[in-house]
């Protein structure tokens, strides 16, 4: 996918929606595109996480302990927690169709965040939004 289309896609992705075009261009310089066939496990629960993935093409399924958690398609992402803390993956992600992803390693993301801190702020805002949505469903008291 060409750079202008990738930047447009990143800008429509909630986790990078508030990130400047210059920072997104820098991010693309550190990213690689990875294509896999249907049925391929992109990440495995319990394995160390070293990459952030943004789906450019195809569909994938997120599952843990035999339970389907989500379906991912164009513009969806995963691995944002592991790219920040390097902790093991919390779920499996398997390609349902042939999939192409943009992948940014933990090391590249740390370097990008050092030189473009707005990337971290944008990521934190989206992670907080997701955490609040998750906590809303939990019993309190």
N, C-alpha and C. Protein backbone atom coordinates (compact mmCIF):
# COMPACT_ATOMS: atom_id res chain seq x y z
N UNK A 1 0.85 -1.17 0.00
CA UNK A 1 0.00 0.00 0.00
C UNK A 1 0.90 1.23 0.00
N UNK A 2 0.53 2.22 -0.78
CA UNK A 2 1.37 3.42 -0.88
C UNK A 2 1.26 4.29 0.38
N UNK A 3 2.30 5.11 0.59
CA UNK A 3 2.43 5.87 1.83
C UNK A 3 1.23 6.77 2.12
N UNK A 4 0.72 7.48 1.11
CA UNK A 4 -0.42 8.39 1.35
C UNK A 4 -1.65 7.61 1.83
N UNK A 5 -1.89 6.44 1.27
CA UNK A 5 -3.03 5.62 1.69
C UNK A 5 -2.81 5.10 3.12
N UNK A 6 -1.57 4.71 3.42
CA UNK A 6 -1.26 4.23 4.76
C UNK A 6 -1.47 5.33 5.81
N UNK A 7 -1.02 6.53 5.49
CA UNK A 7 -1.18 7.65 6.43
C UNK A 7 -2.66 7.94 6.64
N UNK A 8 -3.44 7.92 5.56
CA UNK A 8 -4.88 8.14 5.66
C UNK A 8 -5.53 7.07 6.55
N UNK A 9 -5.13 5.83 6.37
CA UNK A 9 -5.65 4.74 7.18
C UNK A 9 -5.26 4.92 8.65
N UNK A 10 -4.01 5.27 8.90
CA UNK A 10 -3.56 5.50 10.28
C UNK A 10 -4.34 6.64 10.93
N UNK A 11 -4.63 7.69 10.16
CA UNK A 11 -5.37 8.82 10.70
C UNK A 11 -6.80 8.45 11.06
N UNK A 12 -7.35 7.43 10.40
CA UNK A 12 -8.71 6.97 10.69
C UNK A 12 -8.73 5.91 11.81
N UNK A 13 -7.56 5.49 12.25
CA UNK A 13 -7.45 4.50 13.31
C UNK A 13 -7.49 5.24 14.65
N UNK A 14 -8.42 4.87 15.55
CA UNK A 14 -8.57 5.64 16.79
C UNK A 14 -7.27 5.86 17.56
N UNK A 15 -6.40 4.88 17.57
CA UNK A 15 -5.18 4.99 18.38
C UNK A 15 -4.20 6.05 17.82
N UNK A 16 -4.33 6.40 16.55
CA UNK A 16 -3.44 7.39 15.94
C UNK A 16 -4.19 8.60 15.37
N UNK A 17 -5.46 8.74 15.68
CA UNK A 17 -6.29 9.79 15.10
C UNK A 17 -5.78 11.21 15.38
N UNK A 18 -5.13 11.39 16.52
CA UNK A 18 -4.66 12.73 16.89
C UNK A 18 -3.17 12.92 16.63
N UNK A 19 -2.57 12.00 15.90
CA UNK A 19 -1.14 12.06 15.63
C UNK A 19 -0.89 12.84 14.34
N UNK A 20 0.12 13.70 14.34
CA UNK A 20 0.41 14.53 13.17
C UNK A 20 0.89 13.68 11.99
N UNK A 21 0.73 14.22 10.82
CA UNK A 21 1.17 13.54 9.60
C UNK A 21 2.69 13.29 9.63
N UNK A 22 3.45 14.25 10.15
CA UNK A 22 4.91 14.09 10.24
C UNK A 22 5.27 12.90 11.13
N UNK A 23 4.57 12.74 12.25
CA UNK A 23 4.84 11.61 13.14
C UNK A 23 4.44 10.29 12.48
N UNK A 24 3.33 10.31 11.76
CA UNK A 24 2.89 9.09 11.06
C UNK A 24 3.87 8.71 9.95
N UNK A 25 4.42 9.70 9.27
CA UNK A 25 5.44 9.43 8.24
C UNK A 25 6.66 8.77 8.88
N UNK A 26 7.07 9.28 10.04
CA UNK A 26 8.21 8.69 10.75
C UNK A 26 7.89 7.26 11.17
N UNK A 27 6.67 7.04 11.60
CA UNK A 27 6.25 5.70 12.01
C UNK A 27 6.33 4.72 10.83
N UNK A 28 5.90 5.16 9.67
CA UNK A 28 5.93 4.29 8.49
C UNK A 28 7.35 3.91 8.10
N UNK A 29 8.29 4.79 8.34
CA UNK A 29 9.69 4.49 8.03
C UNK A 29 10.22 3.35 8.91
N UNK A 30 9.61 3.16 10.09
CA UNK A 30 10.03 2.12 11.03
C UNK A 30 9.19 0.85 10.92
N UNK A 31 8.16 0.89 10.09
CA UNK A 31 7.24 -0.24 9.99
C UNK A 31 7.57 -1.15 8.81
N UNK A 32 7.08 -2.38 8.89
CA UNK A 32 7.19 -3.32 7.77
C UNK A 32 5.80 -3.87 7.49
N UNK A 33 5.59 -4.26 6.25
CA UNK A 33 4.34 -4.92 5.90
C UNK A 33 4.57 -6.42 5.93
N UNK A 34 3.62 -7.14 6.54
CA UNK A 34 3.72 -8.58 6.67
C UNK A 34 2.44 -9.19 6.11
N UNK A 35 2.59 -10.16 5.21
CA UNK A 35 1.44 -10.85 4.65
C UNK A 35 1.48 -12.31 5.07
N UNK A 36 0.31 -12.84 5.45
CA UNK A 36 0.19 -14.23 5.84
C UNK A 36 -1.03 -14.84 5.17
N UNK A 37 -1.02 -16.15 5.05
CA UNK A 37 -2.13 -16.90 4.46
C UNK A 37 -3.21 -17.16 5.52
N UNK A 38 -4.43 -17.38 5.06
CA UNK A 38 -5.54 -17.73 5.94
C UNK A 38 -5.13 -18.91 6.81
N UNK A 39 -5.51 -18.87 8.07
CA UNK A 39 -5.19 -19.95 9.01
C UNK A 39 -3.91 -19.75 9.78
N UNK A 40 -3.11 -18.75 9.39
CA UNK A 40 -1.84 -18.48 10.06
C UNK A 40 -2.09 -17.74 11.38
N UNK A 41 -1.40 -18.18 12.42
CA UNK A 41 -1.47 -17.51 13.72
C UNK A 41 -0.52 -16.32 13.69
N UNK A 42 -1.07 -15.12 13.81
CA UNK A 42 -0.25 -13.90 13.80
C UNK A 42 0.43 -13.70 15.14
N UNK A 43 -0.30 -13.89 16.21
CA UNK A 43 0.28 -13.86 17.55
C UNK A 43 -0.35 -14.97 18.38
N UNK A 44 0.41 -15.43 19.37
CA UNK A 44 -0.05 -16.54 20.19
C UNK A 44 -0.10 -16.14 21.66
N UNK A 45 -1.21 -16.48 22.30
CA UNK A 45 -1.38 -16.18 23.73
C UNK A 45 -0.22 -16.77 24.51
N UNK A 46 0.32 -15.97 25.44
CA UNK A 46 1.40 -16.42 26.29
C UNK A 46 2.79 -16.18 25.73
N UNK A 47 2.89 -15.91 24.42
CA UNK A 47 4.18 -15.63 23.81
C UNK A 47 4.54 -14.16 24.05
N UNK A 48 5.83 -13.87 24.06
CA UNK A 48 6.22 -12.47 24.26
C UNK A 48 5.78 -11.64 23.06
N UNK A 49 5.35 -10.45 23.36
CA UNK A 49 4.86 -9.56 22.31
C UNK A 49 5.89 -8.52 21.95
N UNK A 50 6.21 -8.47 20.70
CA UNK A 50 7.21 -7.47 20.29
C UNK A 50 6.71 -6.59 19.15
N UNK A 51 5.42 -6.67 18.82
CA UNK A 51 4.96 -5.87 17.70
C UNK A 51 3.54 -5.38 17.85
N UNK A 52 3.29 -4.24 17.23
CA UNK A 52 1.97 -3.64 17.07
C UNK A 52 1.55 -3.94 15.65
N UNK A 53 0.32 -4.38 15.44
CA UNK A 53 -0.17 -4.76 14.11
C UNK A 53 -1.38 -3.92 13.74
N UNK A 54 -1.40 -3.43 12.51
CA UNK A 54 -2.55 -2.72 11.94
C UNK A 54 -2.95 -3.48 10.69
N UNK A 55 -4.19 -3.91 10.62
CA UNK A 55 -4.64 -4.70 9.47
C UNK A 55 -4.88 -3.78 8.27
N UNK A 56 -4.18 -4.10 7.18
CA UNK A 56 -4.31 -3.35 5.92
C UNK A 56 -5.24 -4.05 4.94
N UNK A 57 -5.34 -5.36 5.10
CA UNK A 57 -6.14 -6.16 4.16
C UNK A 57 -6.48 -7.49 4.82
N UNK A 58 -7.72 -7.95 4.64
CA UNK A 58 -8.13 -9.25 5.14
C UNK A 58 -8.82 -9.17 6.49
N UNK A 59 -9.07 -10.37 7.07
CA UNK A 59 -9.76 -10.46 8.34
C UNK A 59 -9.05 -11.44 9.26
N UNK A 60 -9.10 -11.15 10.56
CA UNK A 60 -8.49 -12.02 11.56
C UNK A 60 -9.45 -12.18 12.73
N UNK A 61 -9.21 -13.22 13.52
CA UNK A 61 -10.06 -13.48 14.68
C UNK A 61 -9.20 -13.52 15.93
N UNK A 62 -9.70 -12.89 16.99
CA UNK A 62 -9.03 -12.87 18.28
C UNK A 62 -9.75 -13.87 19.18
N UNK A 63 -8.98 -14.75 19.82
CA UNK A 63 -9.59 -15.72 20.72
C UNK A 63 -8.64 -16.02 21.89
N UNK A 64 -9.24 -16.47 22.97
CA UNK A 64 -8.46 -16.89 24.14
C UNK A 64 -9.20 -18.03 24.81
N UNK A 65 -8.45 -19.07 25.13
CA UNK A 65 -9.02 -20.23 25.81
C UNK A 65 -10.23 -20.79 25.06
N UNK A 66 -10.15 -20.82 23.72
CA UNK A 66 -11.21 -21.39 22.90
C UNK A 66 -12.43 -20.49 22.73
N UNK A 67 -12.39 -19.28 23.26
CA UNK A 67 -13.52 -18.36 23.17
C UNK A 67 -13.19 -17.21 22.21
N UNK A 68 -14.05 -17.01 21.21
CA UNK A 68 -13.87 -15.91 20.26
C UNK A 68 -14.14 -14.58 20.96
N UNK A 69 -13.17 -13.67 20.86
CA UNK A 69 -13.28 -12.38 21.53
C UNK A 69 -13.63 -11.25 20.57
N UNK A 70 -13.12 -11.33 19.34
CA UNK A 70 -13.34 -10.24 18.39
C UNK A 70 -12.96 -10.68 16.98
N UNK A 71 -13.49 -9.94 16.01
CA UNK A 71 -13.07 -10.07 14.61
C UNK A 71 -12.42 -8.76 14.22
N UNK A 72 -11.33 -8.87 13.48
CA UNK A 72 -10.58 -7.68 13.07
C UNK A 72 -10.58 -7.59 11.55
N UNK A 73 -10.65 -6.36 11.03
CA UNK A 73 -10.57 -6.14 9.59
C UNK A 73 -9.84 -4.82 9.32
N UNK A 74 -9.89 -4.36 8.09
CA UNK A 74 -9.17 -3.16 7.67
C UNK A 74 -9.25 -2.04 8.70
N UNK A 75 -8.09 -1.56 9.14
CA UNK A 75 -8.01 -0.45 10.08
C UNK A 75 -8.01 -0.86 11.54
N UNK A 76 -8.33 -2.13 11.82
CA UNK A 76 -8.28 -2.60 13.20
C UNK A 76 -6.84 -2.91 13.57
N UNK A 77 -6.56 -2.91 14.87
CA UNK A 77 -5.18 -3.13 15.33
C UNK A 77 -5.17 -4.00 16.55
N UNK A 78 -4.00 -4.57 16.82
CA UNK A 78 -3.79 -5.36 18.02
C UNK A 78 -2.31 -5.33 18.37
N UNK A 79 -2.00 -5.71 19.60
CA UNK A 79 -0.61 -5.71 20.06
C UNK A 79 -0.19 -4.41 20.69
N UNK A 80 -1.14 -3.50 20.89
CA UNK A 80 -0.77 -2.19 21.45
C UNK A 80 -0.27 -2.29 22.89
N UNK A 81 -0.79 -3.25 23.66
CA UNK A 81 -0.31 -3.39 25.04
C UNK A 81 1.09 -3.97 25.08
N UNK A 82 1.30 -5.04 24.32
CA UNK A 82 2.61 -5.69 24.32
C UNK A 82 3.71 -4.80 23.74
N UNK A 83 3.34 -3.94 22.80
CA UNK A 83 4.37 -3.06 22.24
C UNK A 83 4.80 -2.02 23.27
N UNK A 84 3.94 -1.75 24.24
CA UNK A 84 4.29 -0.79 25.28
C UNK A 84 5.08 -1.47 26.40
N UNK A 85 4.58 -2.62 26.89
CA UNK A 85 5.24 -3.22 28.06
C UNK A 85 6.00 -4.52 27.79
N UNK A 86 5.89 -5.07 26.60
CA UNK A 86 6.63 -6.29 26.26
C UNK A 86 6.12 -7.54 26.95
N UNK A 87 4.98 -7.44 27.65
CA UNK A 87 4.42 -8.59 28.35
C UNK A 87 3.87 -9.61 27.35
N UNK A 88 3.68 -10.84 27.80
CA UNK A 88 3.14 -11.88 26.91
C UNK A 88 1.76 -11.51 26.37
N UNK A 89 1.47 -12.04 25.20
CA UNK A 89 0.17 -11.81 24.55
C UNK A 89 -0.96 -12.37 25.40
N UNK A 90 -2.09 -11.68 25.39
CA UNK A 90 -3.24 -12.11 26.18
C UNK A 90 -4.24 -12.93 25.37
N UNK A 91 -4.00 -13.06 24.05
CA UNK A 91 -4.92 -13.81 23.19
C UNK A 91 -4.18 -14.26 21.93
N UNK A 92 -4.81 -15.20 21.23
CA UNK A 92 -4.35 -15.61 19.91
C UNK A 92 -5.01 -14.71 18.88
N UNK A 93 -4.30 -14.42 17.79
CA UNK A 93 -4.91 -13.75 16.65
C UNK A 93 -4.56 -14.60 15.43
N UNK A 94 -5.61 -15.08 14.75
CA UNK A 94 -5.44 -15.97 13.60
C UNK A 94 -6.08 -15.34 12.37
N UNK A 95 -5.39 -15.39 11.25
CA UNK A 95 -5.91 -14.87 9.99
C UNK A 95 -7.08 -15.73 9.52
N UNK A 96 -8.25 -15.12 9.32
CA UNK A 96 -9.40 -15.84 8.78
C UNK A 96 -9.31 -15.92 7.26
N UNK A 97 -8.72 -14.89 6.67
CA UNK A 97 -8.48 -14.81 5.23
C UNK A 97 -6.99 -14.49 5.08
N UNK A 98 -6.51 -14.39 3.86
CA UNK A 98 -5.16 -13.87 3.68
C UNK A 98 -5.14 -12.46 4.28
N UNK A 99 -4.10 -12.16 5.04
CA UNK A 99 -4.04 -10.88 5.76
C UNK A 99 -2.72 -10.19 5.47
N UNK A 100 -2.79 -8.86 5.32
CA UNK A 100 -1.59 -8.02 5.25
C UNK A 100 -1.69 -7.02 6.39
N UNK A 101 -0.61 -6.93 7.16
CA UNK A 101 -0.56 -6.03 8.32
C UNK A 101 0.64 -5.09 8.20
N UNK A 102 0.50 -3.96 8.81
CA UNK A 102 1.63 -3.06 9.04
C UNK A 102 2.11 -3.42 10.44
N UNK A 103 3.39 -3.71 10.59
CA UNK A 103 3.93 -4.14 11.88
C UNK A 103 5.03 -3.17 12.33
N UNK A 104 4.92 -2.77 13.59
CA UNK A 104 5.93 -1.91 14.20
C UNK A 104 6.43 -2.62 15.44
N UNK A 105 7.73 -2.86 15.49
CA UNK A 105 8.30 -3.56 16.65
C UNK A 105 8.30 -2.68 17.88
N UNK A 106 8.44 -3.32 19.02
CA UNK A 106 8.51 -2.60 20.29
C UNK A 106 9.69 -1.62 20.28
N UNK A 107 10.82 -2.05 19.76
CA UNK A 107 12.02 -1.20 19.75
C UNK A 107 11.81 0.02 18.86
N UNK A 108 11.20 -0.20 17.70
CA UNK A 108 10.93 0.93 16.80
C UNK A 108 9.92 1.88 17.44
N UNK A 109 8.89 1.32 18.09
CA UNK A 109 7.86 2.17 18.72
C UNK A 109 8.47 3.00 19.84
N UNK A 110 9.35 2.41 20.64
CA UNK A 110 10.00 3.17 21.72
C UNK A 110 10.83 4.33 21.17
N UNK A 111 11.54 4.06 20.09
CA UNK A 111 12.33 5.11 19.45
C UNK A 111 11.43 6.21 18.90
N UNK A 112 10.33 5.80 18.25
CA UNK A 112 9.38 6.77 17.71
C UNK A 112 8.78 7.64 18.81
N UNK A 113 8.42 7.00 19.93
CA UNK A 113 7.81 7.74 21.03
C UNK A 113 8.80 8.74 21.63
N UNK A 114 10.07 8.39 21.65
CA UNK A 114 11.09 9.32 22.15
C UNK A 114 11.17 10.58 21.31
N UNK A 115 11.08 10.40 20.00
CA UNK A 115 11.21 11.56 19.11
C UNK A 115 9.86 12.19 18.73
N UNK A 116 8.78 11.46 18.94
CA UNK A 116 7.43 11.96 18.63
C UNK A 116 6.48 11.61 19.78
N UNK A 117 6.60 12.30 20.93
CA UNK A 117 5.81 11.94 22.11
C UNK A 117 4.31 11.98 21.90
N UNK A 118 3.84 12.71 20.91
CA UNK A 118 2.40 12.76 20.66
C UNK A 118 1.85 11.38 20.29
N UNK A 119 2.70 10.49 19.77
CA UNK A 119 2.27 9.12 19.46
C UNK A 119 1.86 8.43 20.76
N UNK A 120 2.67 8.59 21.80
CA UNK A 120 2.36 7.97 23.09
C UNK A 120 1.07 8.56 23.67
N UNK A 121 0.89 9.86 23.57
CA UNK A 121 -0.31 10.50 24.10
C UNK A 121 -1.55 9.97 23.39
N UNK A 122 -1.47 9.87 22.09
CA UNK A 122 -2.59 9.35 21.31
C UNK A 122 -2.91 7.91 21.70
N UNK A 123 -1.87 7.09 21.86
CA UNK A 123 -2.06 5.69 22.27
C UNK A 123 -2.68 5.62 23.66
N UNK A 124 -2.18 6.42 24.59
CA UNK A 124 -2.70 6.40 25.96
C UNK A 124 -4.16 6.81 26.01
N UNK A 125 -4.54 7.80 25.23
CA UNK A 125 -5.95 8.23 25.22
C UNK A 125 -6.86 7.11 24.76
N UNK A 126 -6.46 6.40 23.72
CA UNK A 126 -7.28 5.30 23.21
C UNK A 126 -7.31 4.14 24.21
N UNK A 127 -6.18 3.83 24.82
CA UNK A 127 -6.14 2.75 25.82
C UNK A 127 -7.03 3.09 27.02
N UNK A 128 -7.03 4.35 27.45
CA UNK A 128 -7.89 4.78 28.56
C UNK A 128 -9.36 4.62 28.18
N UNK A 129 -9.70 4.98 26.96
CA UNK A 129 -11.07 4.85 26.48
C UNK A 129 -11.50 3.38 26.52
N UNK A 130 -10.63 2.49 26.08
CA UNK A 130 -10.95 1.06 26.10
C UNK A 130 -11.07 0.54 27.52
N UNK A 131 -10.19 0.97 28.40
CA UNK A 131 -10.24 0.53 29.78
C UNK A 131 -11.53 0.99 30.46
N UNK A 132 -11.91 2.23 30.20
CA UNK A 132 -13.16 2.74 30.78
C UNK A 132 -14.35 1.94 30.27
N UNK A 133 -14.36 1.61 28.99
CA UNK A 133 -15.45 0.82 28.42
C UNK A 133 -15.51 -0.56 29.07
N UNK A 134 -14.36 -1.16 29.32
CA UNK A 134 -14.30 -2.47 29.95
C UNK A 134 -14.76 -2.37 31.39
N UNK A 135 -14.31 -1.36 32.12
CA UNK A 135 -14.67 -1.19 33.52
C UNK A 135 -16.15 -0.88 33.71
N UNK A 136 -16.76 -0.25 32.72
CA UNK A 136 -18.17 0.10 32.79
C UNK A 136 -19.04 -1.17 32.96
N UNK A 137 -18.58 -2.27 32.40
CA UNK A 137 -19.33 -3.52 32.45
C UNK A 137 -19.08 -4.33 33.71
N UNK A 138 -18.12 -3.91 34.54
CA UNK A 138 -17.79 -4.66 35.76
C UNK A 138 -18.68 -4.21 36.93
N UNK A 139 -19.03 -5.15 37.81
CA UNK A 139 -19.79 -4.76 38.99
C UNK A 139 -18.90 -3.94 39.93
N UNK A 140 -19.46 -2.93 40.54
CA UNK A 140 -18.70 -2.08 41.47
C UNK A 140 -19.30 -2.19 42.87
N UNK A 141 -18.43 -2.01 43.86
CA UNK A 141 -18.92 -1.96 45.22
C UNK A 141 -18.65 -3.14 46.01
